[in-house]
Amino acid sequence: MFLLPAVLAVITTANAAIDFTPTVNRYQSEGAEYSSVSFKDDKRSVSIVLPRLWSCRGDSSRLQVAPPDQNFAEGVLQSAPTKGVLQFDEAAVKALEQQVLAGLPAGSQGATVVSRQENIILLYQNLSYQFVVSYQALGQIFYRSVIFVNCPDQQLVFRFSAPKAVFDNLNRSFRQSLYSWTWAEPSKTAAIAQSN
């Protein structure tokens, strides 16, 4: 019982290693406009390609993405530092599930875990675990997907919420965007220039 508050305290108060303040680069491909978003992870840069026509905003702690014309749909990308790679053993999965349920919007009712899935995405061989939950708020049913990716020095948390009627298609687009996640090491030339 004491594990959950400790896990929540560490995740909510720790400074994320990634600075999610976005730099947006728009480009044309096959006659359509797309957006690539980049941000900093210490000396590395991170980039993802947003689903077509989606918007984003962010600050040092998180990146928020949203599809067009969907007021109640939103994705959030966050990270929290860890000491080594966390394992998805039974105790950790139960604690994460409780964290997902506790993180639902205030006043939500009827929260239910719809599905759990290991390794829904693999980022650079880092394992992941996804929870999909349903809940009622604002007079309608919502679904939320939360994906935890355990990296050597941090845990990435990707959350997407939307009304049930539009969740599957929008969540698929959100997840496809996550597949484009790319870490880029600084070039040796830039590193030498910075050290001089």
N, C-alpha and C. Protein backbone atom coordinates (compact mmCIF):
# COMPACT_ATOMS: atom_id res chain seq x y z
N MET A 1 0.81 -1.20 0.00
CA MET A 1 0.00 0.00 0.00
C MET A 1 0.85 1.26 0.00
N PHE A 2 2.04 1.20 0.66
CA PHE A 2 2.89 2.38 0.73
C PHE A 2 3.67 2.59 -0.55
N LEU A 3 3.76 1.58 -1.41
CA LEU A 3 4.51 1.69 -2.67
C LEU A 3 3.86 2.68 -3.62
N LEU A 4 2.56 2.67 -3.76
CA LEU A 4 1.88 3.56 -4.70
C LEU A 4 2.12 5.03 -4.40
N PRO A 5 1.94 5.51 -3.18
CA PRO A 5 2.22 6.93 -2.95
C PRO A 5 3.68 7.29 -3.23
N ALA A 6 4.59 6.38 -2.91
CA ALA A 6 6.01 6.65 -3.17
C ALA A 6 6.28 6.75 -4.66
N VAL A 7 5.70 5.84 -5.44
CA VAL A 7 5.87 5.87 -6.90
C VAL A 7 5.27 7.16 -7.46
N LEU A 8 4.08 7.52 -7.02
CA LEU A 8 3.44 8.74 -7.51
C LEU A 8 4.26 9.98 -7.13
N ALA A 9 4.79 10.01 -5.93
CA ALA A 9 5.57 11.17 -5.51
C ALA A 9 6.83 11.32 -6.35
N VAL A 10 7.51 10.22 -6.61
CA VAL A 10 8.72 10.29 -7.42
C VAL A 10 8.40 10.76 -8.83
N ILE A 11 7.36 10.22 -9.43
CA ILE A 11 7.04 10.56 -10.82
C ILE A 11 6.52 11.99 -10.93
N THR A 12 5.74 12.45 -9.98
CA THR A 12 5.17 13.79 -10.13
C THR A 12 6.10 14.90 -9.68
N THR A 13 7.08 14.61 -8.81
CA THR A 13 7.94 15.68 -8.35
C THR A 13 9.31 15.69 -9.00
N ALA A 14 9.70 14.62 -9.64
CA ALA A 14 11.02 14.57 -10.25
C ALA A 14 11.07 15.45 -11.50
N ASN A 15 12.22 16.06 -11.69
CA ASN A 15 12.41 16.83 -12.92
C ASN A 15 12.69 15.86 -14.05
N ALA A 16 11.97 15.98 -15.12
CA ALA A 16 12.14 15.09 -16.26
C ALA A 16 13.47 15.38 -16.93
N ALA A 17 14.12 14.32 -17.40
CA ALA A 17 15.38 14.47 -18.11
C ALA A 17 15.16 15.13 -19.46
N ILE A 18 14.01 14.92 -20.05
CA ILE A 18 13.72 15.49 -21.36
C ILE A 18 13.06 16.85 -21.19
N ASP A 19 13.55 17.82 -21.95
CA ASP A 19 12.91 19.14 -22.01
C ASP A 19 11.99 19.11 -23.23
N PHE A 20 10.70 19.00 -22.99
CA PHE A 20 9.73 18.83 -24.07
C PHE A 20 9.34 20.13 -24.77
N THR A 21 10.02 21.23 -24.48
CA THR A 21 9.72 22.48 -25.17
C THR A 21 9.90 22.24 -26.67
N PRO A 22 8.82 22.34 -27.46
CA PRO A 22 8.90 21.89 -28.85
C PRO A 22 9.45 22.93 -29.82
N THR A 23 10.16 22.42 -30.81
CA THR A 23 10.51 23.18 -32.00
C THR A 23 9.81 22.46 -33.14
N VAL A 24 8.93 23.16 -33.84
CA VAL A 24 8.11 22.54 -34.89
C VAL A 24 8.70 22.87 -36.26
N ASN A 25 8.88 21.84 -37.07
CA ASN A 25 9.36 21.99 -38.44
C ASN A 25 8.28 21.45 -39.37
N ARG A 26 7.70 22.33 -40.18
CA ARG A 26 6.67 21.89 -41.13
C ARG A 26 7.33 21.60 -42.47
N TYR A 27 6.86 20.54 -43.13
CA TYR A 27 7.43 20.18 -44.43
C TYR A 27 6.35 19.56 -45.30
N GLN A 28 6.61 19.55 -46.60
CA GLN A 28 5.69 18.98 -47.59
C GLN A 28 6.19 17.60 -48.02
N SER A 29 5.28 16.67 -48.15
CA SER A 29 5.60 15.34 -48.67
C SER A 29 4.40 14.84 -49.45
N GLU A 30 4.61 14.51 -50.70
CA GLU A 30 3.55 14.00 -51.58
C GLU A 30 2.33 14.92 -51.58
N GLY A 31 2.58 16.23 -51.58
CA GLY A 31 1.51 17.21 -51.68
C GLY A 31 0.78 17.52 -50.39
N ALA A 32 1.21 16.94 -49.27
CA ALA A 32 0.56 17.18 -47.98
C ALA A 32 1.56 17.79 -47.01
N GLU A 33 1.05 18.61 -46.10
CA GLU A 33 1.92 19.21 -45.09
C GLU A 33 1.95 18.35 -43.84
N TYR A 34 3.16 18.16 -43.31
CA TYR A 34 3.37 17.40 -42.08
C TYR A 34 4.18 18.26 -41.11
N SER A 35 4.19 17.85 -39.85
CA SER A 35 4.97 18.55 -38.83
C SER A 35 5.86 17.57 -38.10
N SER A 36 7.12 17.92 -38.00
CA SER A 36 8.08 17.20 -37.19
C SER A 36 8.36 18.06 -35.97
N VAL A 37 8.37 17.45 -34.80
CA VAL A 37 8.60 18.18 -33.56
C VAL A 37 9.89 17.66 -32.95
N SER A 38 10.75 18.57 -32.51
CA SER A 38 11.98 18.16 -31.84
C SER A 38 12.08 18.84 -30.48
N PHE A 39 12.79 18.18 -29.57
CA PHE A 39 13.03 18.69 -28.23
C PHE A 39 14.31 18.07 -27.71
N LYS A 40 14.76 18.44 -26.53
CA LYS A 40 16.07 18.06 -26.02
C LYS A 40 15.99 17.01 -24.91
N ASP A 41 16.92 16.06 -24.99
CA ASP A 41 17.13 15.06 -23.95
C ASP A 41 18.60 15.14 -23.57
N ASP A 42 18.92 16.01 -22.62
CA ASP A 42 20.30 16.32 -22.25
C ASP A 42 21.04 16.82 -23.49
N LYS A 43 22.07 16.10 -23.94
CA LYS A 43 22.81 16.55 -25.13
C LYS A 43 22.21 16.01 -26.42
N ARG A 44 21.36 15.02 -26.31
CA ARG A 44 20.72 14.45 -27.50
C ARG A 44 19.50 15.27 -27.89
N SER A 45 19.10 15.13 -29.13
CA SER A 45 17.82 15.70 -29.54
C SER A 45 16.87 14.54 -29.81
N VAL A 46 15.59 14.82 -29.64
CA VAL A 46 14.54 13.83 -29.89
C VAL A 46 13.61 14.44 -30.92
N SER A 47 13.14 13.63 -31.85
CA SER A 47 12.14 14.13 -32.79
C SER A 47 11.06 13.08 -33.01
N ILE A 48 9.87 13.57 -33.30
CA ILE A 48 8.74 12.72 -33.69
C ILE A 48 8.00 13.44 -34.82
N VAL A 49 7.30 12.66 -35.62
CA VAL A 49 6.45 13.22 -36.66
C VAL A 49 5.02 13.16 -36.15
N LEU A 50 4.36 14.31 -36.11
CA LEU A 50 2.97 14.35 -35.65
C LEU A 50 2.05 13.77 -36.71
N PRO A 51 0.92 13.20 -36.29
CA PRO A 51 -0.09 12.83 -37.27
C PRO A 51 -0.50 14.08 -38.06
N ARG A 52 -0.86 13.89 -39.30
CA ARG A 52 -1.18 15.00 -40.19
C ARG A 52 -2.28 15.89 -39.59
N LEU A 53 -2.05 17.18 -39.59
CA LEU A 53 -2.94 18.25 -39.12
C LEU A 53 -3.05 18.36 -37.60
N TRP A 54 -2.33 17.53 -36.85
CA TRP A 54 -2.37 17.64 -35.39
C TRP A 54 -1.54 18.83 -34.96
N SER A 55 -1.90 19.41 -33.83
CA SER A 55 -1.16 20.54 -33.27
C SER A 55 -0.43 20.10 -32.00
N CYS A 56 0.51 20.93 -31.57
CA CYS A 56 1.22 20.60 -30.33
C CYS A 56 1.57 21.87 -29.57
N ARG A 57 1.78 21.70 -28.29
CA ARG A 57 2.31 22.75 -27.43
C ARG A 57 3.00 22.03 -26.29
N GLY A 58 3.90 22.73 -25.64
CA GLY A 58 4.59 22.06 -24.55
C GLY A 58 5.48 22.99 -23.77
N ASP A 59 6.06 22.42 -22.73
CA ASP A 59 7.02 23.13 -21.91
C ASP A 59 8.07 22.12 -21.48
N SER A 60 8.89 22.48 -20.52
CA SER A 60 9.98 21.58 -20.15
C SER A 60 9.49 20.24 -19.60
N SER A 61 8.29 20.17 -19.05
CA SER A 61 7.83 18.95 -18.40
C SER A 61 7.00 18.01 -19.28
N ARG A 62 6.39 18.55 -20.36
CA ARG A 62 5.55 17.66 -21.17
C ARG A 62 5.23 18.28 -22.52
N LEU A 63 4.90 17.40 -23.45
CA LEU A 63 4.44 17.81 -24.78
C LEU A 63 2.99 17.36 -24.91
N GLN A 64 2.12 18.28 -25.32
CA GLN A 64 0.71 17.96 -25.53
C GLN A 64 0.43 18.02 -27.03
N VAL A 65 -0.25 17.00 -27.54
CA VAL A 65 -0.61 16.97 -28.95
C VAL A 65 -2.12 16.76 -29.05
N ALA A 66 -2.71 17.32 -30.11
CA ALA A 66 -4.17 17.23 -30.25
C ALA A 66 -4.55 17.13 -31.71
N PRO A 67 -5.55 16.28 -32.01
CA PRO A 67 -6.05 16.19 -33.38
C PRO A 67 -6.94 17.39 -33.69
N PRO A 68 -7.13 17.68 -34.97
CA PRO A 68 -8.00 18.81 -35.33
C PRO A 68 -9.46 18.51 -35.03
N ASP A 69 -10.21 19.52 -34.66
CA ASP A 69 -11.66 19.43 -34.49
C ASP A 69 -12.11 18.40 -33.46
N GLN A 70 -11.29 18.12 -32.46
CA GLN A 70 -11.66 17.18 -31.40
C GLN A 70 -11.33 17.83 -30.06
N ASN A 71 -12.30 18.51 -29.47
CA ASN A 71 -12.06 19.26 -28.24
C ASN A 71 -11.68 18.40 -27.05
N PHE A 72 -12.11 17.16 -27.00
CA PHE A 72 -11.87 16.34 -25.83
C PHE A 72 -10.84 15.24 -26.06
N ALA A 73 -10.02 15.36 -27.10
CA ALA A 73 -8.99 14.37 -27.39
C ALA A 73 -7.62 15.02 -27.23
N GLU A 74 -6.73 14.32 -26.53
CA GLU A 74 -5.40 14.89 -26.30
C GLU A 74 -4.40 13.79 -25.98
N GLY A 75 -3.18 13.97 -26.49
CA GLY A 75 -2.06 13.11 -26.14
C GLY A 75 -1.06 13.91 -25.33
N VAL A 76 -0.39 13.23 -24.40
CA VAL A 76 0.62 13.87 -23.56
C VAL A 76 1.85 12.96 -23.50
N LEU A 77 3.03 13.55 -23.70
CA LEU A 77 4.29 12.84 -23.60
C LEU A 77 5.06 13.43 -22.43
N GLN A 78 5.54 12.56 -21.53
CA GLN A 78 6.29 12.99 -20.36
C GLN A 78 7.40 11.99 -20.08
N SER A 79 8.32 12.36 -19.20
CA SER A 79 9.35 11.43 -18.76
C SER A 79 9.68 11.69 -17.30
N ALA A 80 10.21 10.66 -16.65
CA ALA A 80 10.66 10.79 -15.27
C ALA A 80 11.97 10.03 -15.14
N PRO A 81 12.97 10.62 -14.47
CA PRO A 81 14.25 9.92 -14.30
C PRO A 81 14.08 8.67 -13.45
N THR A 82 14.90 7.68 -13.72
CA THR A 82 14.90 6.44 -12.93
C THR A 82 16.35 6.08 -12.62
N LYS A 83 16.51 5.20 -11.67
CA LYS A 83 17.84 4.66 -11.36
C LYS A 83 17.89 3.26 -11.95
N GLY A 84 18.33 3.16 -13.19
CA GLY A 84 18.40 1.87 -13.86
C GLY A 84 17.08 1.53 -14.52
N VAL A 85 17.09 0.45 -15.26
CA VAL A 85 15.90 0.02 -16.00
C VAL A 85 14.91 -0.63 -15.04
N LEU A 86 13.69 -0.16 -15.05
CA LEU A 86 12.62 -0.75 -14.25
C LEU A 86 12.07 -1.97 -14.97
N GLN A 87 11.67 -2.97 -14.21
CA GLN A 87 11.11 -4.18 -14.79
C GLN A 87 9.58 -4.14 -14.68
N PHE A 88 8.92 -4.79 -15.63
CA PHE A 88 7.47 -4.89 -15.58
C PHE A 88 7.08 -6.21 -14.91
N ASP A 89 7.51 -6.39 -13.66
CA ASP A 89 7.10 -7.57 -12.92
C ASP A 89 5.69 -7.35 -12.37
N GLU A 90 5.14 -8.36 -11.74
CA GLU A 90 3.75 -8.30 -11.29
C GLU A 90 3.49 -7.12 -10.35
N ALA A 91 4.40 -6.89 -9.41
CA ALA A 91 4.21 -5.79 -8.46
C ALA A 91 4.27 -4.43 -9.17
N ALA A 92 5.19 -4.28 -10.10
CA ALA A 92 5.32 -3.01 -10.83
C ALA A 92 4.09 -2.75 -11.69
N VAL A 93 3.58 -3.79 -12.35
CA VAL A 93 2.40 -3.64 -13.20
C VAL A 93 1.19 -3.23 -12.35
N LYS A 94 1.03 -3.84 -11.19
CA LYS A 94 -0.09 -3.47 -10.30
C LYS A 94 0.04 -2.01 -9.85
N ALA A 95 1.26 -1.59 -9.51
CA ALA A 95 1.47 -0.20 -9.07
C ALA A 95 1.19 0.77 -10.22
N LEU A 96 1.63 0.43 -11.43
CA LEU A 96 1.38 1.30 -12.58
C LEU A 96 -0.11 1.38 -12.90
N GLU A 97 -0.80 0.24 -12.79
CA GLU A 97 -2.25 0.24 -13.03
C GLU A 97 -2.95 1.17 -12.04
N GLN A 98 -2.57 1.11 -10.78
CA GLN A 98 -3.16 2.00 -9.78
C GLN A 98 -2.83 3.46 -10.08
N GLN A 99 -1.61 3.71 -10.58
CA GLN A 99 -1.22 5.07 -10.96
C GLN A 99 -2.09 5.57 -12.10
N VAL A 100 -2.34 4.72 -13.09
CA VAL A 100 -3.18 5.10 -14.23
C VAL A 100 -4.59 5.45 -13.75
N LEU A 101 -5.16 4.60 -12.91
CA LEU A 101 -6.52 4.85 -12.41
C LEU A 101 -6.57 6.11 -11.53
N ALA A 102 -5.55 6.31 -10.71
CA ALA A 102 -5.51 7.50 -9.85
C ALA A 102 -5.33 8.78 -10.66
N GLY A 103 -4.76 8.67 -11.85
CA GLY A 103 -4.50 9.84 -12.68
C GLY A 103 -5.65 10.26 -13.58
N LEU A 104 -6.79 9.58 -13.47
CA LEU A 104 -7.94 9.97 -14.29
C LEU A 104 -8.47 11.33 -13.83
N PRO A 105 -9.17 12.04 -14.69
CA PRO A 105 -9.67 13.37 -14.32
C PRO A 105 -10.53 13.33 -13.05
N ALA A 106 -10.42 14.39 -12.27
CA ALA A 106 -11.23 14.50 -11.05
C ALA A 106 -12.71 14.39 -11.40
N GLY A 107 -13.45 13.65 -10.60
CA GLY A 107 -14.88 13.48 -10.84
C GLY A 107 -15.23 12.36 -11.80
N SER A 108 -14.22 11.67 -12.34
CA SER A 108 -14.49 10.54 -13.23
C SER A 108 -15.21 9.44 -12.47
N GLN A 109 -16.05 8.72 -13.18
CA GLN A 109 -16.80 7.62 -12.56
C GLN A 109 -16.66 6.36 -13.39
N GLY A 110 -16.87 5.23 -12.75
CA GLY A 110 -16.93 3.95 -13.45
C GLY A 110 -15.64 3.54 -14.12
N ALA A 111 -14.50 3.88 -13.54
CA ALA A 111 -13.21 3.54 -14.15
C ALA A 111 -13.02 2.03 -14.22
N THR A 112 -12.65 1.55 -15.40
CA THR A 112 -12.43 0.12 -15.64
C THR A 112 -11.22 -0.06 -16.52
N VAL A 113 -10.38 -1.05 -16.18
CA VAL A 113 -9.25 -1.39 -17.05
C VAL A 113 -9.80 -2.24 -18.18
N VAL A 114 -9.68 -1.76 -19.42
CA VAL A 114 -10.20 -2.45 -20.60
C VAL A 114 -9.19 -3.47 -21.11
N SER A 115 -7.91 -3.09 -21.13
CA SER A 115 -6.88 -4.01 -21.62
C SER A 115 -5.51 -3.64 -21.06
N ARG A 116 -4.64 -4.65 -21.08
CA ARG A 116 -3.22 -4.49 -20.73
C ARG A 116 -2.44 -5.18 -21.83
N GLN A 117 -1.33 -4.58 -22.24
CA GLN A 117 -0.53 -5.21 -23.30
C GLN A 117 0.94 -4.87 -23.12
N GLU A 118 1.76 -5.90 -23.16
CA GLU A 118 3.21 -5.70 -23.10
C GLU A 118 3.74 -5.35 -24.48
N ASN A 119 4.74 -4.49 -24.50
CA ASN A 119 5.52 -4.16 -25.69
C ASN A 119 4.69 -3.75 -26.89
N ILE A 120 3.72 -2.87 -26.65
CA ILE A 120 2.90 -2.32 -27.74
C ILE A 120 3.77 -1.51 -28.68
N ILE A 121 4.81 -0.87 -28.14
CA ILE A 121 5.83 -0.21 -28.95
C ILE A 121 7.20 -0.55 -28.35
N LEU A 122 8.20 -0.62 -29.19
CA LEU A 122 9.58 -0.79 -28.74
C LEU A 122 10.37 0.39 -29.26
N LEU A 123 10.91 1.17 -28.35
CA LEU A 123 11.76 2.29 -28.74
C LEU A 123 13.19 1.91 -28.39
N TYR A 124 14.00 1.69 -29.41
CA TYR A 124 15.41 1.36 -29.20
C TYR A 124 15.58 0.18 -28.24
N GLN A 125 14.82 -0.87 -28.45
CA GLN A 125 14.87 -2.10 -27.65
C GLN A 125 14.39 -1.92 -26.21
N ASN A 126 13.81 -0.79 -25.87
CA ASN A 126 13.28 -0.56 -24.53
C ASN A 126 11.86 -1.10 -24.45
N LEU A 127 11.58 -1.88 -23.43
CA LEU A 127 10.28 -2.52 -23.29
C LEU A 127 9.21 -1.53 -22.87
N SER A 128 7.96 -1.88 -23.17
CA SER A 128 6.84 -1.00 -22.84
C SER A 128 5.67 -1.80 -22.29
N TYR A 129 4.75 -1.10 -21.66
CA TYR A 129 3.54 -1.71 -21.13
C TYR A 129 2.41 -0.71 -21.30
N GLN A 130 1.30 -1.16 -21.86
CA GLN A 130 0.16 -0.27 -22.10
C GLN A 130 -1.06 -0.70 -21.29
N PHE A 131 -1.73 0.30 -20.73
CA PHE A 131 -3.04 0.11 -20.10
C PHE A 131 -4.04 0.93 -20.89
N VAL A 132 -5.21 0.37 -21.15
CA VAL A 132 -6.32 1.13 -21.71
C VAL A 132 -7.44 1.06 -20.67
N VAL A 133 -7.93 2.23 -20.29
CA VAL A 133 -9.00 2.30 -19.29
C VAL A 133 -10.17 3.08 -19.85
N SER A 134 -11.35 2.78 -19.35
CA SER A 134 -12.54 3.56 -19.70
C SER A 134 -13.04 4.25 -18.44
N TYR A 135 -13.68 5.39 -18.64
CA TYR A 135 -14.25 6.13 -17.52
C TYR A 135 -15.32 7.07 -18.06
N GLN A 136 -16.19 7.50 -17.17
CA GLN A 136 -17.24 8.43 -17.57
C GLN A 136 -16.94 9.81 -16.98
N ALA A 137 -17.05 10.83 -17.84
CA ALA A 137 -16.85 12.23 -17.42
C ALA A 137 -17.60 13.12 -18.39
N LEU A 138 -18.06 14.25 -17.93
CA LEU A 138 -18.76 15.21 -18.79
C LEU A 138 -19.93 14.58 -19.54
N GLY A 139 -20.56 13.59 -18.92
CA GLY A 139 -21.74 12.96 -19.51
C GLY A 139 -21.46 11.99 -20.65
N GLN A 140 -20.20 11.62 -20.86
CA GLN A 140 -19.89 10.64 -21.91
C GLN A 140 -18.78 9.69 -21.46
N ILE A 141 -18.60 8.62 -22.23
CA ILE A 141 -17.58 7.63 -21.91
C ILE A 141 -16.30 7.98 -22.67
N PHE A 142 -15.20 7.98 -21.93
CA PHE A 142 -13.88 8.23 -22.50
C PHE A 142 -13.02 6.98 -22.37
N TYR A 143 -12.05 6.86 -23.26
CA TYR A 143 -11.01 5.85 -23.14
C TYR A 143 -9.69 6.59 -22.98
N ARG A 144 -8.78 5.98 -22.24
CA ARG A 144 -7.43 6.52 -22.09
C ARG A 144 -6.43 5.37 -22.23
N SER A 145 -5.44 5.60 -23.06
CA SER A 145 -4.31 4.68 -23.20
C SER A 145 -3.11 5.32 -22.51
N VAL A 146 -2.42 4.54 -21.68
CA VAL A 146 -1.19 5.00 -21.06
C VAL A 146 -0.12 3.96 -21.35
N ILE A 147 0.96 4.40 -22.02
CA ILE A 147 2.07 3.52 -22.37
C ILE A 147 3.29 3.96 -21.56
N PHE A 148 3.86 3.01 -20.83
CA PHE A 148 5.10 3.25 -20.08
C PHE A 148 6.23 2.58 -20.86
N VAL A 149 7.31 3.31 -21.11
CA VAL A 149 8.49 2.76 -21.77
C VAL A 149 9.65 2.90 -20.80
N ASN A 150 10.24 1.78 -20.42
CA ASN A 150 11.34 1.79 -19.46
C ASN A 150 12.67 1.85 -20.17
N CYS A 151 13.33 3.00 -20.07
CA CYS A 151 14.65 3.22 -20.66
C CYS A 151 15.69 3.12 -19.54
N PRO A 152 16.98 3.03 -19.89
CA PRO A 152 18.01 2.87 -18.85
C PRO A 152 18.03 3.98 -17.80
N ASP A 153 17.75 5.22 -18.17
CA ASP A 153 17.86 6.32 -17.22
C ASP A 153 16.56 7.09 -17.00
N GLN A 154 15.49 6.64 -17.63
CA GLN A 154 14.22 7.35 -17.48
C GLN A 154 13.05 6.46 -17.91
N GLN A 155 11.88 6.82 -17.43
CA GLN A 155 10.66 6.16 -17.87
C GLN A 155 9.86 7.17 -18.69
N LEU A 156 9.56 6.80 -19.93
CA LEU A 156 8.72 7.63 -20.79
C LEU A 156 7.28 7.25 -20.54
N VAL A 157 6.39 8.24 -20.51
CA VAL A 157 4.96 8.00 -20.31
C VAL A 157 4.22 8.71 -21.43
N PHE A 158 3.49 7.92 -22.22
CA PHE A 158 2.71 8.44 -23.35
C PHE A 158 1.24 8.17 -23.05
N ARG A 159 0.46 9.24 -22.95
CA ARG A 159 -0.95 9.11 -22.57
C ARG A 159 -1.83 9.71 -23.66
N PHE A 160 -2.89 8.98 -24.03
CA PHE A 160 -3.84 9.53 -25.00
C PHE A 160 -5.25 9.30 -24.48
N SER A 161 -6.08 10.36 -24.50
CA SER A 161 -7.47 10.29 -24.03
C SER A 161 -8.40 10.85 -25.09
N ALA A 162 -9.56 10.21 -25.26
CA ALA A 162 -10.55 10.69 -26.22
C ALA A 162 -11.90 10.05 -25.91
N PRO A 163 -12.99 10.66 -26.40
CA PRO A 163 -14.29 10.00 -26.27
C PRO A 163 -14.24 8.62 -26.94
N LYS A 164 -14.98 7.68 -26.38
CA LYS A 164 -14.96 6.30 -26.86
C LYS A 164 -15.23 6.21 -28.36
N ALA A 165 -16.14 7.00 -28.88
CA ALA A 165 -16.54 6.91 -30.30
C ALA A 165 -15.40 7.18 -31.26
N VAL A 166 -14.42 8.00 -30.87
CA VAL A 166 -13.32 8.36 -31.78
C VAL A 166 -11.97 7.84 -31.29
N PHE A 167 -11.95 7.15 -30.17
CA PHE A 167 -10.70 6.75 -29.54
C PHE A 167 -9.83 5.86 -30.42
N ASP A 168 -10.38 4.78 -30.96
CA ASP A 168 -9.55 3.79 -31.67
C ASP A 168 -8.75 4.42 -32.80
N ASN A 169 -9.40 5.15 -33.69
CA ASN A 169 -8.68 5.75 -34.82
C ASN A 169 -7.67 6.78 -34.37
N LEU A 170 -8.05 7.65 -33.45
CA LEU A 170 -7.13 8.69 -33.00
C LEU A 170 -5.97 8.11 -32.20
N ASN A 171 -6.23 7.11 -31.37
CA ASN A 171 -5.16 6.48 -30.60
C ASN A 171 -4.18 5.77 -31.53
N ARG A 172 -4.69 5.16 -32.59
CA ARG A 172 -3.81 4.52 -33.58
C ARG A 172 -2.88 5.55 -34.21
N SER A 173 -3.41 6.72 -34.56
CA SER A 173 -2.59 7.79 -35.13
C SER A 173 -1.55 8.28 -34.13
N PHE A 174 -1.96 8.43 -32.88
CA PHE A 174 -1.04 8.85 -31.82
C PHE A 174 0.10 7.85 -31.68
N ARG A 175 -0.25 6.56 -31.62
CA ARG A 175 0.76 5.51 -31.45
C ARG A 175 1.70 5.46 -32.65
N GLN A 176 1.17 5.64 -33.88
CA GLN A 176 2.03 5.66 -35.06
C GLN A 176 3.03 6.81 -34.98
N SER A 177 2.61 7.93 -34.42
CA SER A 177 3.52 9.05 -34.22
C SER A 177 4.65 8.65 -33.27
N LEU A 178 4.33 7.89 -32.24
CA LEU A 178 5.36 7.45 -31.29
C LEU A 178 6.38 6.54 -31.95
N TYR A 179 5.95 5.75 -32.94
CA TYR A 179 6.88 4.88 -33.67
C TYR A 179 7.97 5.69 -34.36
N SER A 180 7.71 6.97 -34.63
CA SER A 180 8.70 7.80 -35.32
C SER A 180 9.72 8.41 -34.36
N TRP A 181 9.60 8.13 -33.06
CA TRP A 181 10.50 8.69 -32.04
C TRP A 181 11.94 8.38 -32.43
N THR A 182 12.77 9.42 -32.51
CA THR A 182 14.18 9.26 -32.88
C THR A 182 15.06 10.07 -31.94
N TRP A 183 16.04 9.40 -31.35
CA TRP A 183 17.06 10.08 -30.57
C TRP A 183 18.25 10.34 -31.49
N ALA A 184 18.80 11.53 -31.47
CA ALA A 184 19.97 11.85 -32.28
C ALA A 184 21.08 12.35 -31.36
N GLU A 185 22.21 11.67 -31.42
CA GLU A 185 23.38 12.08 -30.65
C GLU A 185 23.97 13.33 -31.28
N PRO A 186 24.59 14.20 -30.47
CA PRO A 186 25.24 15.37 -31.06
C PRO A 186 26.40 14.93 -31.94
N SER A 187 26.62 15.65 -33.01
CA SER A 187 27.72 15.28 -33.91
C SER A 187 29.04 15.53 -33.20
N LYS A 188 30.06 14.76 -33.58
CA LYS A 188 31.38 14.92 -32.95
C LYS A 188 31.94 16.31 -33.22
N THR A 189 31.66 16.86 -34.39
CA THR A 189 32.14 18.20 -34.73
C THR A 189 31.55 19.23 -33.77
N ALA A 190 30.24 19.11 -33.50
CA ALA A 190 29.58 20.05 -32.58
C ALA A 190 30.12 19.88 -31.17
N ALA A 191 30.37 18.64 -30.75
CA ALA A 191 30.89 18.39 -29.41
C ALA A 191 32.29 18.98 -29.25
N ILE A 192 33.12 18.87 -30.28
CA ILE A 192 34.47 19.44 -30.22
C ILE A 192 34.39 20.96 -30.17
N ALA A 193 33.52 21.55 -30.97
CA ALA A 193 33.37 23.00 -31.00
C ALA A 193 32.90 23.53 -29.64
N GLN A 194 32.00 22.79 -28.98
CA GLN A 194 31.50 23.23 -27.68
C GLN A 194 32.56 23.13 -26.59
N SER A 195 33.48 22.18 -26.73
CA SER A 195 34.51 22.01 -25.70
C SER A 195 35.65 23.01 -25.84
N ASN A 196 35.76 23.66 -27.01
CA ASN A 196 36.85 24.66 -27.22
C ASN A 196 36.47 26.01 -26.72
